[in-house]
PDB file of N, CA and C in Angstrom:
ATOM      1  N   UNK A   1     113.550 117.672  90.854  1.00  0.00           N
ATOM      2  CA  UNK A   1     112.222 117.847  90.305  1.00  0.00           C
ATOM      3  C   UNK A   1     112.202 118.974  89.281  1.00  0.00           C
ATOM      4  N   UNK A   2     111.564 118.711  88.181  1.00  0.00           N
ATOM      5  CA  UNK A   2     111.325 119.749  87.193  1.00  0.00           C
ATOM      6  C   UNK A   2     109.922 120.313  87.361  1.00  0.00           C
ATOM      7  N   UNK A   3     109.050 119.509  87.946  1.00  0.00           N
ATOM      8  CA  UNK A   3     107.682 119.903  88.201  1.00  0.00           C
ATOM      9  C   UNK A   3     107.193 119.065  89.392  1.00  0.00           C
ATOM     10  N   UNK A   4     105.905 118.925  89.572  1.00  0.00           N
ATOM     11  CA  UNK A   4     105.372 118.229  90.740  1.00  0.00           C
ATOM     12  C   UNK A   4     105.271 116.719  90.583  1.00  0.00           C
ATOM     13  N   UNK A   5     105.807 116.158  89.493  1.00  0.00           N
ATOM     14  CA  UNK A   5     105.723 114.717  89.271  1.00  0.00           C
ATOM     15  C   UNK A   5     107.046 114.042  89.624  1.00  0.00           C
ATOM     16  N   UNK A   6     106.940 112.796  90.039  1.00  0.00           N
ATOM     17  CA  UNK A   6     108.148 112.012  90.276  1.00  0.00           C
ATOM     18  C   UNK A   6     108.660 111.468  88.959  1.00  0.00           C
ATOM     19  N   UNK A   7     109.939 111.313  88.856  1.00  0.00           N
ATOM     20  CA  UNK A   7     110.578 110.751  87.676  1.00  0.00           C
ATOM     21  C   UNK A   7     111.000 109.322  88.002  1.00  0.00           C
ATOM     22  N   UNK A   8     110.820 108.436  87.057  1.00  0.00           N
ATOM     23  CA  UNK A   8     111.155 107.029  87.273  1.00  0.00           C
ATOM     24  C   UNK A   8     112.607 106.853  87.677  1.00  0.00           C
ATOM     25  N   UNK A   9     113.501 107.641  87.121  1.00  0.00           N
ATOM     26  CA  UNK A   9     114.922 107.484  87.433  1.00  0.00           C
ATOM     27  C   UNK A   9     115.265 107.921  88.855  1.00  0.00           C
ATOM     28  N   UNK A  10     114.408 108.719  89.483  1.00  0.00           N
ATOM     29  CA  UNK A  10     114.646 109.183  90.847  1.00  0.00           C
ATOM     30  C   UNK A  10     113.848 108.404  91.881  1.00  0.00           C
ATOM     31  N   UNK A  11     112.768 107.792  91.480  1.00  0.00           N
ATOM     32  CA  UNK A  11     111.837 107.171  92.425  1.00  0.00           C
ATOM     33  C   UNK A  11     112.393 105.848  92.954  1.00  0.00           C
ATOM     34  N   UNK A  12     112.428 105.669  94.270  1.00  0.00           N
ATOM     35  CA  UNK A  12     113.011 104.467  94.866  1.00  0.00           C
ATOM     36  C   UNK A  12     112.022 103.305  94.970  1.00  0.00           C
ATOM     37  N   UNK A  13     111.411 102.945  93.850  1.00  0.00           N
ATOM     38  CA  UNK A  13     110.384 101.900  93.855  1.00  0.00           C
ATOM     39  C   UNK A  13     110.871 100.567  94.388  1.00  0.00           C
ATOM     40  N   UNK A  14     112.081 100.165  94.030  1.00  0.00           N
ATOM     41  CA  UNK A  14     112.608  98.871  94.485  1.00  0.00           C
ATOM     42  C   UNK A  14     112.762  98.842  96.002  1.00  0.00           C
ATOM     43  N   UNK A  15     113.279  99.918  96.579  1.00  0.00           N
ATOM     44  CA  UNK A  15     113.466  99.961  98.035  1.00  0.00           C
ATOM     45  C   UNK A  15     112.122  99.957  98.764  1.00  0.00           C
ATOM     46  N   UNK A  16     111.155 100.673  98.233  1.00  0.00           N
ATOM     47  CA  UNK A  16     109.823 100.708  98.846  1.00  0.00           C
ATOM     48  C   UNK A  16     109.192  99.325  98.792  1.00  0.00           C
ATOM     49  N   UNK A  17     109.222  98.696  97.629  1.00  0.00           N
ATOM     50  CA  UNK A  17     108.629  97.361  97.474  1.00  0.00           C
ATOM     51  C   UNK A  17     109.296  96.356  98.399  1.00  0.00           C
ATOM     52  N   UNK A  18     110.614  96.387  98.449  1.00  0.00           N
ATOM     53  CA  UNK A  18     111.344  95.430  99.289  1.00  0.00           C
ATOM     54  C   UNK A  18     110.923  95.545 100.751  1.00  0.00           C
ATOM     55  N   UNK A  19     110.830  96.749 101.249  1.00  0.00           N
ATOM     56  CA  UNK A  19     110.485  96.943 102.666  1.00  0.00           C
ATOM     57  C   UNK A  19     109.026  96.580 102.950  1.00  0.00           C
ATOM     58  N   UNK A  20     108.118  96.940 102.043  1.00  0.00           N
ATOM     59  CA  UNK A  20     106.711  96.637 102.278  1.00  0.00           C
ATOM     60  C   UNK A  20     106.420  95.145 102.150  1.00  0.00           C
ATOM     61  N   UNK A  21     106.981  94.501 101.148  1.00  0.00           N
ATOM     62  CA  UNK A  21     106.769  93.063 100.974  1.00  0.00           C
ATOM     63  C   UNK A  21     107.340  92.308 102.168  1.00  0.00           C
ATOM     64  N   UNK A  22     108.536  92.678 102.615  1.00  0.00           N
ATOM     65  CA  UNK A  22     109.136  92.022 103.784  1.00  0.00           C
ATOM     66  C   UNK A  22     108.277  92.245 105.026  1.00  0.00           C
ATOM     67  N   UNK A  23     107.745  93.452 105.191  1.00  0.00           N
ATOM     68  CA  UNK A  23     106.874  93.740 106.334  1.00  0.00           C
ATOM     69  C   UNK A  23     105.593  92.930 106.300  1.00  0.00           C
ATOM     70  N   UNK A  24     104.998  92.802 105.108  1.00  0.00           N
ATOM     71  CA  UNK A  24     103.773  92.009 104.971  1.00  0.00           C
ATOM     72  C   UNK A  24     104.052  90.546 105.296  1.00  0.00           C
ATOM     73  N   UNK A  25     105.133  90.007 104.729  1.00  0.00           N
ATOM     74  CA  UNK A  25     105.499  88.607 104.994  1.00  0.00           C
ATOM     75  C   UNK A  25     105.731  88.372 106.474  1.00  0.00           C
ATOM     76  N   UNK A  26     106.454  89.284 107.101  1.00  0.00           N
ATOM     77  CA  UNK A  26     106.757  89.137 108.521  1.00  0.00           C
ATOM     78  C   UNK A  26     105.487  89.167 109.382  1.00  0.00           C
ATOM     79  N   UNK A  27     104.564  90.046 109.026  1.00  0.00           N
ATOM     80  CA  UNK A  27     103.334  90.200 109.814  1.00  0.00           C
ATOM     81  C   UNK A  27     102.321  89.085 109.583  1.00  0.00           C
ATOM     82  N   UNK A  28     102.311  88.534 108.369  1.00  0.00           N
ATOM     83  CA  UNK A  28     101.239  87.588 108.028  1.00  0.00           C
ATOM     84  C   UNK A  28     101.725  86.178 107.717  1.00  0.00           C
ATOM     85  N   UNK A  29     103.000  86.031 107.398  1.00  0.00           N
ATOM     86  CA  UNK A  29     103.514  84.732 106.974  1.00  0.00           C
ATOM     87  C   UNK A  29     103.100  84.367 105.558  1.00  0.00           C
ATOM     88  N   UNK A  30     102.594  85.326 104.821  1.00  0.00           N
ATOM     89  CA  UNK A  30     102.102  85.079 103.460  1.00  0.00           C
ATOM     90  C   UNK A  30     102.707  86.089 102.493  1.00  0.00           C
ATOM     91  N   UNK A  31     102.558  85.793 101.208  1.00  0.00           N
ATOM     92  CA  UNK A  31     102.970  86.721 100.163  1.00  0.00           C
ATOM     93  C   UNK A  31     101.854  87.745  99.941  1.00  0.00           C
ATOM     94  N   UNK A  32     102.202  88.996  99.683  1.00  0.00           N
ATOM     95  CA  UNK A  32     101.158  89.974  99.372  1.00  0.00           C
ATOM     96  C   UNK A  32     100.702  89.810  97.922  1.00  0.00           C
ATOM     97  N   UNK A  33      99.456  89.442  97.742  1.00  0.00           N
ATOM     98  CA  UNK A  33      98.926  89.247  96.396  1.00  0.00           C
ATOM     99  C   UNK A  33      98.193  90.479  95.873  1.00  0.00           C
ATOM    100  N   UNK A  34      97.964  91.444  96.759  1.00  0.00           N
ATOM    101  CA  UNK A  34      97.253  92.660  96.373  1.00  0.00           C
ATOM    102  C   UNK A  34      97.913  93.884  96.990  1.00  0.00           C
ATOM    103  N   UNK A  35      97.787  95.007  96.281  1.00  0.00           N
ATOM    104  CA  UNK A  35      98.199  96.318  96.767  1.00  0.00           C
ATOM    105  C   UNK A  35      97.030  97.260  96.516  1.00  0.00           C
ATOM    106  N   UNK A  36      96.648  98.010  97.536  1.00  0.00           N
ATOM    107  CA  UNK A  36      95.630  99.048  97.402  1.00  0.00           C
ATOM    108  C   UNK A  36      96.396 100.361  97.433  1.00  0.00           C
ATOM    109  N   UNK A  37      96.406 101.076  96.307  1.00  0.00           N
ATOM    110  CA  UNK A  37      97.257 102.256  96.210  1.00  0.00           C
ATOM    111  C   UNK A  37      96.907 103.049  94.962  1.00  0.00           C
ATOM    112  N   UNK A  38      97.551 104.192  94.834  1.00  0.00           N
ATOM    113  CA  UNK A  38      97.480 104.935  93.585  1.00  0.00           C
ATOM    114  C   UNK A  38      98.238 104.172  92.510  1.00  0.00           C
ATOM    115  N   UNK A  39      98.016 104.535  91.255  1.00  0.00           N
ATOM    116  CA  UNK A  39      98.606 103.787  90.145  1.00  0.00           C
ATOM    117  C   UNK A  39     100.138 103.845  90.155  1.00  0.00           C
ATOM    118  N   UNK A  40     100.720 105.005  90.393  1.00  0.00           N
ATOM    119  CA  UNK A  40     102.182 105.139  90.346  1.00  0.00           C
ATOM    120  C   UNK A  40     102.842 104.316  91.451  1.00  0.00           C
ATOM    121  N   UNK A  41     102.459 104.568  92.695  1.00  0.00           N
ATOM    122  CA  UNK A  41     103.079 103.863  93.821  1.00  0.00           C
ATOM    123  C   UNK A  41     102.754 102.376  93.779  1.00  0.00           C
ATOM    124  N   UNK A  42     101.487 102.033  93.561  1.00  0.00           N
ATOM    125  CA  UNK A  42     101.090 100.625  93.490  1.00  0.00           C
ATOM    126  C   UNK A  42     101.777  99.890  92.366  1.00  0.00           C
ATOM    127  N   UNK A  43     101.915 100.554  91.218  1.00  0.00           N
ATOM    128  CA  UNK A  43     102.606  99.943  90.088  1.00  0.00           C
ATOM    129  C   UNK A  43     104.071  99.676  90.393  1.00  0.00           C
ATOM    130  N   UNK A  44     104.710 100.595  91.103  1.00  0.00           N
ATOM    131  CA  UNK A  44     106.100 100.388  91.497  1.00  0.00           C
ATOM    132  C   UNK A  44     106.226  99.218  92.465  1.00  0.00           C
ATOM    133  N   UNK A  45     105.344  99.143  93.438  1.00  0.00           N
ATOM    134  CA  UNK A  45     105.392  98.034  94.398  1.00  0.00           C
ATOM    135  C   UNK A  45     105.188  96.714  93.668  1.00  0.00           C
ATOM    136  N   UNK A  46     104.196  96.656  92.791  1.00  0.00           N
ATOM    137  CA  UNK A  46     103.934  95.425  92.043  1.00  0.00           C
ATOM    138  C   UNK A  46     105.111  95.051  91.150  1.00  0.00           C
ATOM    139  N   UNK A  47     105.665  96.018  90.447  1.00  0.00           N
ATOM    140  CA  UNK A  47     106.760  95.752  89.517  1.00  0.00           C
ATOM    141  C   UNK A  47     108.018  95.246  90.230  1.00  0.00           C
ATOM    142  N   UNK A  48     108.355  95.851  91.354  1.00  0.00           N
ATOM    143  CA  UNK A  48     109.614  95.532  92.028  1.00  0.00           C
ATOM    144  C   UNK A  48     109.502  94.459  93.105  1.00  0.00           C
ATOM    145  N   UNK A  49     108.304  94.011  93.428  1.00  0.00           N
ATOM    146  CA  UNK A  49     108.146  92.989  94.464  1.00  0.00           C
ATOM    147  C   UNK A  49     108.848  91.700  94.034  1.00  0.00           C
ATOM    148  N   UNK A  50     109.802  91.249  94.827  1.00  0.00           N
ATOM    149  CA  UNK A  50     110.557  90.038  94.513  1.00  0.00           C
ATOM    150  C   UNK A  50     109.745  88.795  94.882  1.00  0.00           C
ATOM    151  N   UNK A  51     109.668  87.853  93.966  1.00  0.00           N
ATOM    152  CA  UNK A  51     109.014  86.581  94.250  1.00  0.00           C
ATOM    153  C   UNK A  51     107.509  86.579  94.085  1.00  0.00           C
ATOM    154  N   UNK A  52     106.908  87.737  93.885  1.00  0.00           N
ATOM    155  CA  UNK A  52     105.455  87.831  93.751  1.00  0.00           C
ATOM    156  C   UNK A  52     105.142  89.098  92.947  1.00  0.00           C
ATOM    157  N   UNK A  53     104.067  89.088  92.227  1.00  0.00           N
ATOM    158  CA  UNK A  53     103.652  90.275  91.477  1.00  0.00           C
ATOM    159  C   UNK A  53     102.240  90.633  91.929  1.00  0.00           C
ATOM    160  N   UNK A  54     102.113  91.395  93.042  1.00  0.00           N
ATOM    161  CA  UNK A  54     100.765  91.714  93.532  1.00  0.00           C
ATOM    162  C   UNK A  54      99.956  92.523  92.518  1.00  0.00           C
ATOM    163  N   UNK A  55      98.660  92.279  92.511  1.00  0.00           N
ATOM    164  CA  UNK A  55      97.741  93.037  91.661  1.00  0.00           C
ATOM    165  C   UNK A  55      97.356  94.323  92.376  1.00  0.00           C
ATOM    166  N   UNK A  56      97.176  95.393  91.628  1.00  0.00           N
ATOM    167  CA  UNK A  56      96.928  96.714  92.211  1.00  0.00           C
ATOM    168  C   UNK A  56      95.456  97.087  92.087  1.00  0.00           C
ATOM    169  N   UNK A  57      94.832  97.370  93.221  1.00  0.00           N
ATOM    170  CA  UNK A  57      93.492  97.955  93.235  1.00  0.00           C
ATOM    171  C   UNK A  57      93.716  99.465  93.191  1.00  0.00           C
ATOM    172  N   UNK A  58      93.647 100.029  92.003  1.00  0.00           N
ATOM    173  CA  UNK A  58      94.018 101.417  91.757  1.00  0.00           C
ATOM    174  C   UNK A  58      93.092 102.375  92.500  1.00  0.00           C
ATOM    175  N   UNK A  59      93.697 103.220  93.323  1.00  0.00           N
ATOM    176  CA  UNK A  59      92.986 104.237  94.112  1.00  0.00           C
ATOM    177  C   UNK A  59      91.948 103.639  95.059  1.00  0.00           C
ATOM    178  N   UNK A  60      92.013 102.333  95.294  1.00  0.00           N
ATOM    179  CA  UNK A  60      91.035 101.692  96.164  1.00  0.00           C
ATOM    180  C   UNK A  60      89.638 101.645  95.570  1.00  0.00           C
ATOM    181  N   UNK A  61      89.549 101.821  94.244  1.00  0.00           N
ATOM    182  CA  UNK A  61      88.256 101.890  93.569  1.00  0.00           C
ATOM    183  C   UNK A  61      88.068 100.676  92.666  1.00  0.00           C
ATOM    184  N   UNK A  62      87.133  99.817  92.985  1.00  0.00           N
ATOM    185  CA  UNK A  62      86.894  98.634  92.156  1.00  0.00           C
ATOM    186  C   UNK A  62      86.624  98.960  90.686  1.00  0.00           C
ATOM    187  N   UNK A  63      86.036 100.094  90.397  1.00  0.00           N
ATOM    188  CA  UNK A  63      85.761 100.463  89.001  1.00  0.00           C
ATOM    189  C   UNK A  63      87.050 100.706  88.215  1.00  0.00           C
ATOM    190  N   UNK A  64      88.142 101.058  88.902  1.00  0.00           N
ATOM    191  CA  UNK A  64      89.428 101.290  88.227  1.00  0.00           C
ATOM    192  C   UNK A  64      90.192  99.997  87.979  1.00  0.00           C
ATOM    193  N   UNK A  65      89.770  98.912  88.633  1.00  0.00           N
ATOM    194  CA  UNK A  65      90.444  97.614  88.469  1.00  0.00           C
ATOM    195  C   UNK A  65      89.397  96.506  88.561  1.00  0.00           C
ATOM    196  N   UNK A  66      88.502  96.416  87.570  1.00  0.00           N
ATOM    197  CA  UNK A  66      87.388  95.470  87.657  1.00  0.00           C
ATOM    198  C   UNK A  66      87.817  94.004  87.662  1.00  0.00           C
ATOM    199  N   UNK A  67      89.057  93.713  87.345  1.00  0.00           N
ATOM    200  CA  UNK A  67      89.560  92.342  87.361  1.00  0.00           C
ATOM    201  C   UNK A  67      89.889  91.859  88.771  1.00  0.00           C
ATOM    202  N   UNK A  68      89.865  92.758  89.747  1.00  0.00           N
ATOM    203  CA  UNK A  68      90.177  92.386  91.130  1.00  0.00           C
ATOM    204  C   UNK A  68      88.921  91.836  91.795  1.00  0.00           C
ATOM    205  N   UNK A  69      89.048  90.655  92.365  1.00  0.00           N
ATOM    206  CA  UNK A  69      87.975  90.019  93.125  1.00  0.00           C
ATOM    207  C   UNK A  69      88.086  90.513  94.566  1.00  0.00           C
ATOM    208  N   UNK A  70      87.169  91.382  94.985  1.00  0.00           N
ATOM    209  CA  UNK A  70      87.247  91.977  96.317  1.00  0.00           C
ATOM    210  C   UNK A  70      87.157  90.942  97.432  1.00  0.00           C
ATOM    211  N   UNK A  71      86.384  89.895  97.221  1.00  0.00           N
ATOM    212  CA  UNK A  71      86.291  88.840  98.234  1.00  0.00           C
ATOM    213  C   UNK A  71      87.644  88.154  98.401  1.00  0.00           C
ATOM    214  N   UNK A  72      88.357  87.938  97.289  1.00  0.00           N
ATOM    215  CA  UNK A  72      89.678  87.318  97.366  1.00  0.00           C
ATOM    216  C   UNK A  72      90.684  88.265  98.016  1.00  0.00           C
ATOM    217  N   UNK A  73      90.587  89.556  97.710  1.00  0.00           N
ATOM    218  CA  UNK A  73      91.462  90.542  98.339  1.00  0.00           C
ATOM    219  C   UNK A  73      91.296  90.504  99.852  1.00  0.00           C
ATOM    220  N   UNK A  74      90.062  90.490 100.327  1.00  0.00           N
ATOM    221  CA  UNK A  74      89.812  90.460 101.772  1.00  0.00           C
ATOM    222  C   UNK A  74      90.262  89.134 102.381  1.00  0.00           C
ATOM    223  N   UNK A  75      90.107  88.057 101.632  1.00  0.00           N
ATOM    224  CA  UNK A  75      90.527  86.740 102.114  1.00  0.00           C
ATOM    225  C   UNK A  75      92.048  86.651 102.241  1.00  0.00           C
ATOM    226  N   UNK A  76      92.777  87.214 101.269  1.00  0.00           N
ATOM    227  CA  UNK A  76      94.234  87.080 101.215  1.00  0.00           C
ATOM    228  C   UNK A  76      95.002  88.262 101.798  1.00  0.00           C
ATOM    229  N   UNK A  77      94.305  89.381 102.036  1.00  0.00           N
ATOM    230  CA  UNK A  77      94.970  90.553 102.588  1.00  0.00           C
ATOM    231  C   UNK A  77      95.637  91.390 101.505  1.00  0.00           C
ATOM    232  N   UNK A  78      96.204  92.516 101.932  1.00  0.00           N
ATOM    233  CA  UNK A  78      96.813  93.440 100.977  1.00  0.00           C
ATOM    234  C   UNK A  78      97.759  94.401 101.680  1.00  0.00           C
ATOM    235  N   UNK A  79      98.666  94.926 100.894  1.00  0.00           N
ATOM    236  CA  UNK A  79      99.448  96.085 101.306  1.00  0.00           C
ATOM    237  C   UNK A  79      98.632  97.307 100.892  1.00  0.00           C
ATOM    238  N   UNK A  80      98.510  98.276 101.767  1.00  0.00           N
ATOM    239  CA  UNK A  80      97.841  99.535 101.454  1.00  0.00           C
ATOM    240  C   UNK A  80      98.927 100.612 101.525  1.00  0.00           C
ATOM    241  N   UNK A  81      99.086 101.401 100.476  1.00  0.00           N
ATOM    242  CA  UNK A  81     100.182 102.372 100.443  1.00  0.00           C
ATOM    243  C   UNK A  81      99.735 103.688  99.824  1.00  0.00           C
ATOM    244  N   UNK A  82     100.281 104.789 100.340  1.00  0.00           N
ATOM    245  CA  UNK A  82      99.938 106.116  99.829  1.00  0.00           C
ATOM    246  C   UNK A  82     101.098 107.075 100.073  1.00  0.00           C
ATOM    247  N   UNK A  83     101.140 108.132  99.275  1.00  0.00           N
ATOM    248  CA  UNK A  83     102.168 109.156  99.454  1.00  0.00           C
ATOM    249  C   UNK A  83     101.638 110.567  99.242  1.00  0.00           C
ATOM    250  N   UNK A  84     100.353 110.717  99.020  1.00  0.00           N
ATOM    251  CA  UNK A  84      99.779 112.028  98.728  1.00  0.00           C
ATOM    252  C   UNK A  84      99.121 112.696  99.924  1.00  0.00           C
ATOM    253  N   UNK A  85      99.223 112.063 101.093  1.00  0.00           N
ATOM    254  CA  UNK A  85      98.611 112.641 102.289  1.00  0.00           C
ATOM    255  C   UNK A  85      99.435 112.224 103.502  1.00  0.00           C
ATOM    256  N   UNK A  86      98.959 112.551 104.682  1.00  0.00           N
ATOM    257  CA  UNK A  86      99.663 112.257 105.930  1.00  0.00           C
ATOM    258  C   UNK A  86     100.029 110.775 105.985  1.00  0.00           C
ATOM    259  N   UNK A  87     101.324 110.435 106.070  1.00  0.00           N
ATOM    260  CA  UNK A  87     101.719 109.027 106.078  1.00  0.00           C
ATOM    261  C   UNK A  87     101.316 108.273 107.343  1.00  0.00           C
ATOM    262  N   UNK A  88     100.839 108.989 108.361  1.00  0.00           N
ATOM    263  CA  UNK A  88     100.432 108.337 109.605  1.00  0.00           C
ATOM    264  C   UNK A  88      98.921 108.129 109.695  1.00  0.00           C
ATOM    265  N   UNK A  89      98.186 108.481 108.626  1.00  0.00           N
ATOM    266  CA  UNK A  89      96.728 108.381 108.645  1.00  0.00           C
ATOM    267  C   UNK A  89      96.254 107.676 107.374  1.00  0.00           C
ATOM    268  N   UNK A  90      95.469 106.610 107.527  1.00  0.00           N
ATOM    269  CA  UNK A  90      94.903 105.908 106.373  1.00  0.00           C
ATOM    270  C   UNK A  90      93.992 106.865 105.605  1.00  0.00           C
ATOM    271  N   UNK A  91      94.253 107.081 104.324  1.00  0.00           N
ATOM    272  CA  UNK A  91      93.421 108.005 103.551  1.00  0.00           C
ATOM    273  C   UNK A  91      91.960 107.539 103.490  1.00  0.00           C
ATOM    274  N   UNK A  92      91.026 108.471 103.565  1.00  0.00           N
ATOM    275  CA  UNK A  92      89.614 108.108 103.488  1.00  0.00           C
ATOM    276  C   UNK A  92      89.267 107.308 102.228  1.00  0.00           C
ATOM    277  N   UNK A  93      89.956 107.554 101.135  1.00  0.00           N
ATOM    278  CA  UNK A  93      89.676 106.833  99.891  1.00  0.00           C
ATOM    279  C   UNK A  93      89.931 105.336 100.020  1.00  0.00           C
ATOM    280  N   UNK A  94      90.801 104.935 100.956  1.00  0.00           N
ATOM    281  CA  UNK A  94      91.119 103.521 101.145  1.00  0.00           C
ATOM    282  C   UNK A  94      90.387 102.903 102.331  1.00  0.00           C
ATOM    283  N   UNK A  95      89.759 103.729 103.155  1.00  0.00           N
ATOM    284  CA  UNK A  95      89.152 103.245 104.398  1.00  0.00           C
ATOM    285  C   UNK A  95      88.056 102.212 104.164  1.00  0.00           C
ATOM    286  N   UNK A  96      87.246 102.377 103.144  1.00  0.00           N
ATOM    287  CA  UNK A  96      86.154 101.437 102.883  1.00  0.00           C
ATOM    288  C   UNK A  96      86.694 100.064 102.504  1.00  0.00           C
ATOM    289  N   UNK A  97      87.617 100.025 101.555  1.00  0.00           N
ATOM    290  CA  UNK A  97      88.176  98.767 101.062  1.00  0.00           C
ATOM    291  C   UNK A  97      89.072  98.129 102.109  1.00  0.00           C
ATOM    292  N   UNK A  98      89.833  98.957 102.834  1.00  0.00           N
ATOM    293  CA  UNK A  98      90.844  98.442 103.761  1.00  0.00           C
ATOM    294  C   UNK A  98      90.428  98.584 105.223  1.00  0.00           C
ATOM    295  N   UNK A  99      89.153  98.412 105.488  1.00  0.00           N
ATOM    296  CA  UNK A  99      88.665  98.501 106.857  1.00  0.00           C
ATOM    297  C   UNK A  99      89.405  97.475 107.722  1.00  0.00           C
ATOM    298  N   UNK A 100      89.972  97.928 108.821  1.00  0.00           N
ATOM    299  CA  UNK A 100      90.713  97.051 109.719  1.00  0.00           C
ATOM    300  C   UNK A 100      92.201  96.971 109.415  1.00  0.00           C
ATOM    301  N   UNK A 101      92.662  97.708 108.395  1.00  0.00           N
ATOM    302  CA  UNK A 101      94.089  97.694 108.068  1.00  0.00           C
ATOM    303  C   UNK A 101      94.889  98.264 109.237  1.00  0.00           C
ATOM    304  N   UNK A 102      96.034  97.650 109.492  1.00  0.00           N
ATOM    305  CA  UNK A 102      96.896  98.051 110.596  1.00  0.00           C
ATOM    306  C   UNK A 102      97.972  99.001 110.081  1.00  0.00           C
ATOM    307  N   UNK A 103      97.919 100.249 110.563  1.00  0.00           N
ATOM    308  CA  UNK A 103      98.923 101.229 110.152  1.00  0.00           C
ATOM    309  C   UNK A 103     100.310 100.770 110.568  1.00  0.00           C
ATOM    310  N   UNK A 104     101.264 100.982 109.685  1.00  0.00           N
ATOM    311  CA  UNK A 104     102.666 100.679 109.945  1.00  0.00           C
ATOM    312  C   UNK A 104     103.418 101.999 110.088  1.00  0.00           C
ATOM    313  N   UNK A 105     104.572 101.975 110.747  1.00  0.00           N
ATOM    314  CA  UNK A 105     105.351 103.215 110.798  1.00  0.00           C
ATOM    315  C   UNK A 105     105.663 103.689 109.373  1.00  0.00           C
ATOM    316  N   UNK A 106     105.492 104.973 109.100  1.00  0.00           N
ATOM    317  CA  UNK A 106     105.771 105.475 107.755  1.00  0.00           C
ATOM    318  C   UNK A 106     107.200 105.138 107.321  1.00  0.00           C
ATOM    319  N   UNK A 107     107.349 104.878 106.040  1.00  0.00           N
ATOM    320  CA  UNK A 107     108.673 104.639 105.471  1.00  0.00           C
ATOM    321  C   UNK A 107     109.245 105.972 105.012  1.00  0.00           C
ATOM    322  N   UNK A 108     110.482 106.200 105.314  1.00  0.00           N
ATOM    323  CA  UNK A 108     111.201 107.340 104.772  1.00  0.00           C
ATOM    324  C   UNK A 108     112.319 106.757 103.926  1.00  0.00           C
ATOM    325  N   UNK A 109     112.250 106.993 102.637  1.00  0.00           N
ATOM    326  CA  UNK A 109     113.165 106.370 101.691  1.00  0.00           C
ATOM    327  C   UNK A 109     113.881 107.462 100.899  1.00  0.00           C
ATOM    328  N   UNK A 110     115.208 107.363 100.799  1.00  0.00           N
ATOM    329  CA  UNK A 110     115.919 108.377 100.003  1.00  0.00           C
ATOM    330  C   UNK A 110     115.613 108.247  98.521  1.00  0.00           C
ATOM    331  N   UNK A 111     115.530 109.382  97.842  1.00  0.00           N
ATOM    332  CA  UNK A 111     115.372 109.386  96.390  1.00  0.00           C
ATOM    333  C   UNK A 111     116.675 108.910  95.756  1.00  0.00           C
ATOM    334  N   UNK A 112     116.562 108.273  94.622  1.00  0.00           N
ATOM    335  CA  UNK A 112     117.753 107.809  93.907  1.00  0.00           C
ATOM    336  C   UNK A 112     118.385 108.971  93.155  1.00  0.00           C
ATOM    337  N   UNK A 113     119.680 108.987  93.071  1.00  0.00           N
ATOM    338  CA  UNK A 113     120.460 109.927  92.272  1.00  0.00           C
ATOM    339  C   UNK A 113     120.313 111.392  92.673  1.00  0.00           C
ATOM    340  N   UNK A 114     119.704 111.639  93.789  1.00  0.00           N
ATOM    341  CA  UNK A 114     119.464 113.026  94.157  1.00  0.00           C
ATOM    342  C   UNK A 114     119.315 113.120  95.666  1.00  0.00           C
ATOM    343  N   UNK A 115     119.649 114.250  96.201  1.00  0.00           N
ATOM    344  CA  UNK A 115     119.425 114.456  97.626  1.00  0.00           C
ATOM    345  C   UNK A 115     117.931 114.587  97.873  1.00  0.00           C
ATOM    346  N   UNK A 116     117.514 114.150  99.025  1.00  0.00           N
ATOM    347  CA  UNK A 116     116.112 114.242  99.386  1.00  0.00           C
ATOM    348  C   UNK A 116     115.550 112.876  99.698  1.00  0.00           C
ATOM    349  N   UNK A 117     114.377 112.870 100.232  1.00  0.00           N
ATOM    350  CA  UNK A 117     113.720 111.620 100.596  1.00  0.00           C
ATOM    351  C   UNK A 117     112.219 111.765 100.420  1.00  0.00           C
ATOM    352  N   UNK A 118     111.552 110.631 100.481  1.00  0.00           N
ATOM    353  CA  UNK A 118     110.104 110.612 100.336  1.00  0.00           C
ATOM    354  C   UNK A 118     109.511 109.845 101.510  1.00  0.00           C
ATOM    355  N   UNK A 119     108.404 110.338 102.033  1.00  0.00           N
ATOM    356  CA  UNK A 119     107.694 109.658 103.122  1.00  0.00           C
ATOM    357  C   UNK A 119     106.503 108.917 102.528  1.00  0.00           C
ATOM    358  N   UNK A 120     106.412 107.635 102.850  1.00  0.00           N
ATOM    359  CA  UNK A 120     105.349 106.785 102.329  1.00  0.00           C
ATOM    360  C   UNK A 120     104.542 106.243 103.504  1.00  0.00           C
ATOM    361  N   UNK A 121     103.225 106.433 103.451  1.00  0.00           N
ATOM    362  CA  UNK A 121     102.358 105.823 104.444  1.00  0.00           C
ATOM    363  C   UNK A 121     101.961 104.435 103.979  1.00  0.00           C
ATOM    364  N   UNK A 122     101.811 103.504 104.935  1.00  0.00           N
ATOM    365  CA  UNK A 122     101.382 102.178 104.526  1.00  0.00           C
ATOM    366  C   UNK A 122     100.732 101.446 105.683  1.00  0.00           C
ATOM    367  N   UNK A 123      99.966 100.450 105.318  1.00  0.00           N
ATOM    368  CA  UNK A 123      99.247  99.633 106.287  1.00  0.00           C
ATOM    369  C   UNK A 123      99.161  98.210 105.759  1.00  0.00           C
ATOM    370  N   UNK A 124      98.900  97.296 106.671  1.00  0.00           N
ATOM    371  CA  UNK A 124      98.721  95.892 106.297  1.00  0.00           C
ATOM    372  C   UNK A 124      97.282  95.520 106.565  1.00  0.00           C
ATOM    373  N   UNK A 125      96.608  95.063 105.518  1.00  0.00           N
ATOM    374  CA  UNK A 125      95.281  94.483 105.652  1.00  0.00           C
ATOM    375  C   UNK A 125      95.503  92.984 105.777  1.00  0.00           C
ATOM    376  N   UNK A 126      95.341  92.467 106.965  1.00  0.00           N
ATOM    377  CA  UNK A 126      95.628  91.057 107.213  1.00  0.00           C
ATOM    378  C   UNK A 126      94.635  90.158 106.483  1.00  0.00           C
ATOM    379  N   UNK A 127      95.095  88.998 106.076  1.00  0.00           N
ATOM    380  CA  UNK A 127      94.187  88.040 105.438  1.00  0.00           C
ATOM    381  C   UNK A 127      92.993  87.720 106.339  1.00  0.00           C
ATOM    382  N   UNK A 128      91.836  87.626 105.703  1.00  0.00           N
ATOM    383  CA  UNK A 128      90.617  87.242 106.413  1.00  0.00           C
ATOM    384  C   UNK A 128      89.862  88.361 107.068  1.00  0.00           C
ATOM    385  N   UNK A 129      90.310  89.617 106.930  1.00  0.00           N
ATOM    386  CA  UNK A 129      89.576  90.735 107.558  1.00  0.00           C
ATOM    387  C   UNK A 129      88.509  91.276 106.645  1.00  0.00           C
TER     388      UNK A 129
END
């Protein structure tokens, strides 16, 4: 780290996406079509998700992603992911949109090209909730 931001060359976006998408598929039998997350983490999950390109509800705020149909998100479910707070607690910013989301064990993923790891909190919002 040179400062408090993650660098694309160090961030393990592919590993995070692979584990979350596989977890969503295993839990629901469906592809994750939505991610509720911050722009950086959600963008990485969407970009690296194999076989599907989930749409990101940025910061869980409909005003930040007006193209997202909230009724469709609730119908189809979503991955909810965060890294800026306790990985074992659903952030209040996502609680309204992701009411009923099932917390998953936090992911601990090593950083690429450097020693260290990152803890990612995540939950599954099952389809139809």
